[in-house]
């Protein structure tokens, strides 16, 4: 692979999912940095820092306190240097579309778990990177 992303972010309240998905990302050597947030609120706090601007975000929708839809709504108020590709990772085959106002921010929906094949397809389609 000739190119790497600067930063990929995982947002999921499930530690096991984060561990497995980070392992898939690390093995693919896709990004210089992989950041993990265990809640939508933690992700908003991380993204509010000026030094944090991931090119790719993997987002779970069903989280306590600040769910994925609420995260997307709050993301509007944050100045990012790069508009991230947002991929929803869900256990639902057909996720319930709760908030059509932020639906345009989502690049695609994928079922969990993130696999190497899914990752290859995502980065090829959205970044032109072949893993």
C-alpha atoms as a PDB file:
ATOM      1  CA  UNK A   1       0.000   0.000   0.000  1.00  0.00           C
ATOM      2  CA  UNK A   2       1.379   3.376  -0.973  1.00  0.00           C
ATOM      3  CA  UNK A   3      -0.949   5.583   1.034  1.00  0.00           C
ATOM      4  CA  UNK A   4      -2.060   5.731   4.627  1.00  0.00           C
ATOM      5  CA  UNK A   5      -4.746   7.715   6.316  1.00  0.00           C
ATOM      6  CA  UNK A   6      -3.572  10.008   9.069  1.00  0.00           C
ATOM      7  CA  UNK A   7      -6.280   8.980  11.544  1.00  0.00           C
ATOM      8  CA  UNK A   8      -9.169   6.526  11.832  1.00  0.00           C
ATOM      9  CA  UNK A   9     -11.617   6.702  14.735  1.00  0.00           C
ATOM     10  CA  UNK A  10     -13.710   3.915  16.249  1.00  0.00           C
ATOM     11  CA  UNK A  11     -16.772   4.988  18.248  1.00  0.00           C
ATOM     12  CA  UNK A  12     -18.452   2.110  20.052  1.00  0.00           C
ATOM     13  CA  UNK A  13     -19.407   1.385  23.651  1.00  0.00           C
ATOM     14  CA  UNK A  14     -18.539  -2.312  23.280  1.00  0.00           C
ATOM     15  CA  UNK A  15     -14.931  -2.950  24.351  1.00  0.00           C
ATOM     16  CA  UNK A  16     -14.786  -6.286  22.523  1.00  0.00           C
ATOM     17  CA  UNK A  17     -15.933  -4.732  19.253  1.00  0.00           C
ATOM     18  CA  UNK A  18     -13.391  -1.921  19.633  1.00  0.00           C
ATOM     19  CA  UNK A  19     -10.615  -4.413  20.351  1.00  0.00           C
ATOM     20  CA  UNK A  20     -11.471  -6.584  17.334  1.00  0.00           C
ATOM     21  CA  UNK A  21     -12.037  -3.662  14.950  1.00  0.00           C
ATOM     22  CA  UNK A  22      -8.796  -1.986  16.032  1.00  0.00           C
ATOM     23  CA  UNK A  23      -6.987  -5.260  15.394  1.00  0.00           C
ATOM     24  CA  UNK A  24      -8.416  -5.383  11.838  1.00  0.00           C
ATOM     25  CA  UNK A  25      -7.310  -1.786  11.252  1.00  0.00           C
ATOM     26  CA  UNK A  26      -3.849  -2.342  12.731  1.00  0.00           C
ATOM     27  CA  UNK A  27      -3.271  -5.465  10.634  1.00  0.00           C
ATOM     28  CA  UNK A  28      -4.252  -3.572   7.480  1.00  0.00           C
ATOM     29  CA  UNK A  29      -1.764  -0.814   8.372  1.00  0.00           C
ATOM     30  CA  UNK A  30      -4.280   1.661   6.990  1.00  0.00           C
ATOM     31  CA  UNK A  31      -3.727   4.560   9.374  1.00  0.00           C
ATOM     32  CA  UNK A  32      -0.910   6.265  11.190  1.00  0.00           C
ATOM     33  CA  UNK A  33      -3.215   6.520  14.229  1.00  0.00           C
ATOM     34  CA  UNK A  34      -6.342   4.654  15.326  1.00  0.00           C
ATOM     35  CA  UNK A  35      -8.292   6.455  18.052  1.00  0.00           C
ATOM     36  CA  UNK A  36     -10.987   4.719  20.096  1.00  0.00           C
ATOM     37  CA  UNK A  37     -13.888   6.442  21.849  1.00  0.00           C
ATOM     38  CA  UNK A  38     -16.210   4.367  24.016  1.00  0.00           C
ATOM     39  CA  UNK A  39     -19.114   6.807  23.784  1.00  0.00           C
ATOM     40  CA  UNK A  40     -20.467   9.473  21.507  1.00  0.00           C
ATOM     41  CA  UNK A  41     -19.695  12.059  24.174  1.00  0.00           C
ATOM     42  CA  UNK A  42     -16.064  10.935  24.461  1.00  0.00           C
ATOM     43  CA  UNK A  43     -15.764  11.139  20.655  1.00  0.00           C
ATOM     44  CA  UNK A  44     -17.175  14.695  20.611  1.00  0.00           C
ATOM     45  CA  UNK A  45     -14.675  15.716  23.301  1.00  0.00           C
ATOM     46  CA  UNK A  46     -11.790  14.163  21.339  1.00  0.00           C
ATOM     47  CA  UNK A  47     -12.893  15.765  18.062  1.00  0.00           C
ATOM     48  CA  UNK A  48     -13.248  19.169  19.736  1.00  0.00           C
ATOM     49  CA  UNK A  49      -9.479  19.280  20.153  1.00  0.00           C
ATOM     50  CA  UNK A  50      -7.798  21.076  17.284  1.00  0.00           C
ATOM     51  CA  UNK A  51      -5.268  18.253  16.730  1.00  0.00           C
ATOM     52  CA  UNK A  52      -7.931  15.623  16.030  1.00  0.00           C
ATOM     53  CA  UNK A  53      -9.432  15.239  12.558  1.00  0.00           C
ATOM     54  CA  UNK A  54      -9.902  11.655  11.373  1.00  0.00           C
ATOM     55  CA  UNK A  55     -10.469  10.935   7.716  1.00  0.00           C
ATOM     56  CA  UNK A  56     -12.529   7.832   8.542  1.00  0.00           C
ATOM     57  CA  UNK A  57     -14.940   7.221  11.427  1.00  0.00           C
ATOM     58  CA  UNK A  58     -16.573   3.893  12.256  1.00  0.00           C
ATOM     59  CA  UNK A  59     -19.687   4.641  14.315  1.00  0.00           C
ATOM     60  CA  UNK A  60     -22.015   2.465  16.359  1.00  0.00           C
ATOM     61  CA  UNK A  61     -25.556   3.822  16.590  1.00  0.00           C
ATOM     62  CA  UNK A  62     -26.789   2.149  19.783  1.00  0.00           C
ATOM     63  CA  UNK A  63     -24.837   3.623  22.674  1.00  0.00           C
ATOM     64  CA  UNK A  64     -25.961   4.939  26.060  1.00  0.00           C
ATOM     65  CA  UNK A  65     -25.922   8.644  26.937  1.00  0.00           C
ATOM     66  CA  UNK A  66     -25.068  10.006  23.475  1.00  0.00           C
ATOM     67  CA  UNK A  67     -26.035   7.601  20.717  1.00  0.00           C
ATOM     68  CA  UNK A  68     -24.732   7.629  17.152  1.00  0.00           C
ATOM     69  CA  UNK A  69     -27.543   9.848  15.843  1.00  0.00           C
ATOM     70  CA  UNK A  70     -26.956  12.385  18.615  1.00  0.00           C
ATOM     71  CA  UNK A  71     -23.213  12.229  17.935  1.00  0.00           C
ATOM     72  CA  UNK A  72     -23.834  13.084  14.262  1.00  0.00           C
ATOM     73  CA  UNK A  73     -26.045  15.998  15.294  1.00  0.00           C
ATOM     74  CA  UNK A  74     -23.391  17.383  17.665  1.00  0.00           C
ATOM     75  CA  UNK A  75     -20.693  16.890  15.027  1.00  0.00           C
ATOM     76  CA  UNK A  76     -22.262  19.843  13.156  1.00  0.00           C
ATOM     77  CA  UNK A  77     -20.863  22.221  15.775  1.00  0.00           C
ATOM     78  CA  UNK A  78     -17.269  21.068  15.427  1.00  0.00           C
ATOM     79  CA  UNK A  79     -14.791  22.557  12.965  1.00  0.00           C
ATOM     80  CA  UNK A  80     -12.819  19.704  11.412  1.00  0.00           C
ATOM     81  CA  UNK A  81      -9.944  20.198   9.001  1.00  0.00           C
ATOM     82  CA  UNK A  82     -11.146  17.191   6.988  1.00  0.00           C
ATOM     83  CA  UNK A  83     -14.718  16.057   6.334  1.00  0.00           C
ATOM     84  CA  UNK A  84     -14.592  12.439   7.512  1.00  0.00           C
ATOM     85  CA  UNK A  85     -16.066   9.441   5.775  1.00  0.00           C
ATOM     86  CA  UNK A  86     -18.521   8.049   8.323  1.00  0.00           C
ATOM     87  CA  UNK A  87     -19.310   4.346   8.235  1.00  0.00           C
ATOM     88  CA  UNK A  88     -22.003   3.052  10.554  1.00  0.00           C
ATOM     89  CA  UNK A  89     -21.138  -0.373  11.948  1.00  0.00           C
ATOM     90  CA  UNK A  90     -24.284  -2.024  13.231  1.00  0.00           C
ATOM     91  CA  UNK A  91     -25.595  -5.423  14.226  1.00  0.00           C
ATOM     92  CA  UNK A  92     -28.895  -4.651  12.483  1.00  0.00           C
ATOM     93  CA  UNK A  93     -29.293  -5.848   8.915  1.00  0.00           C
ATOM     94  CA  UNK A  94     -31.567  -2.872   8.249  1.00  0.00           C
ATOM     95  CA  UNK A  95     -30.806  -0.163  10.797  1.00  0.00           C
ATOM     96  CA  UNK A  96     -33.727   1.938  11.920  1.00  0.00           C
ATOM     97  CA  UNK A  97     -33.327   5.358  10.318  1.00  0.00           C
ATOM     98  CA  UNK A  98     -34.098   7.605  13.253  1.00  0.00           C
ATOM     99  CA  UNK A  99     -32.847  10.982  12.116  1.00  0.00           C
ATOM    100  CA  UNK A 100     -33.031  11.843   8.448  1.00  0.00           C
ATOM    101  CA  UNK A 101     -31.492  15.282   9.103  1.00  0.00           C
ATOM    102  CA  UNK A 102     -28.057  13.750   9.705  1.00  0.00           C
ATOM    103  CA  UNK A 103     -28.425  10.814   7.326  1.00  0.00           C
ATOM    104  CA  UNK A 104     -26.479  12.715   4.638  1.00  0.00           C
ATOM    105  CA  UNK A 105     -23.368  12.584   6.855  1.00  0.00           C
ATOM    106  CA  UNK A 106     -23.260   8.779   6.664  1.00  0.00           C
ATOM    107  CA  UNK A 107     -21.237   7.371   3.781  1.00  0.00           C
ATOM    108  CA  UNK A 108     -22.397   3.778   4.217  1.00  0.00           C
ATOM    109  CA  UNK A 109     -23.817   1.176   6.579  1.00  0.00           C
ATOM    110  CA  UNK A 110     -21.995  -2.103   7.286  1.00  0.00           C
ATOM    111  CA  UNK A 111     -22.949  -4.962   9.572  1.00  0.00           C
ATOM    112  CA  UNK A 112     -20.616  -5.890  12.404  1.00  0.00           C
ATOM    113  CA  UNK A 113     -17.999  -7.153  12.627  1.00  0.00           C
ATOM    114  CA  UNK A 114     -15.640  -5.118  10.491  1.00  0.00           C
ATOM    115  CA  UNK A 115     -13.712  -7.581   8.367  1.00  0.00           C
ATOM    116  CA  UNK A 116     -10.659  -7.160   6.199  1.00  0.00           C
ATOM    117  CA  UNK A 117     -12.855  -7.578   3.098  1.00  0.00           C
ATOM    118  CA  UNK A 118     -15.280  -4.857   4.241  1.00  0.00           C
ATOM    119  CA  UNK A 119     -12.382  -2.556   5.102  1.00  0.00           C
ATOM    120  CA  UNK A 120     -10.807  -3.110   1.675  1.00  0.00           C
ATOM    121  CA  UNK A 121     -14.069  -2.218  -0.029  1.00  0.00           C
ATOM    122  CA  UNK A 122     -14.617   0.903   2.097  1.00  0.00           C
ATOM    123  CA  UNK A 123     -11.138   2.363   1.582  1.00  0.00           C
ATOM    124  CA  UNK A 124     -11.132   1.497  -2.104  1.00  0.00           C
ATOM    125  CA  UNK A 125     -14.537   3.120  -2.697  1.00  0.00           C
ATOM    126  CA  UNK A 126     -14.003   6.225  -0.550  1.00  0.00           C
ATOM    127  CA  UNK A 127     -10.266   6.859  -0.693  1.00  0.00           C
ATOM    128  CA  UNK A 128      -9.008   4.998  -3.759  1.00  0.00           C
ATOM    129  CA  UNK A 129      -6.600   3.041  -1.561  1.00  0.00           C
ATOM    130  CA  UNK A 130      -6.000  -0.619  -2.346  1.00  0.00           C
ATOM    131  CA  UNK A 131      -5.047  -2.663   0.688  1.00  0.00           C
END
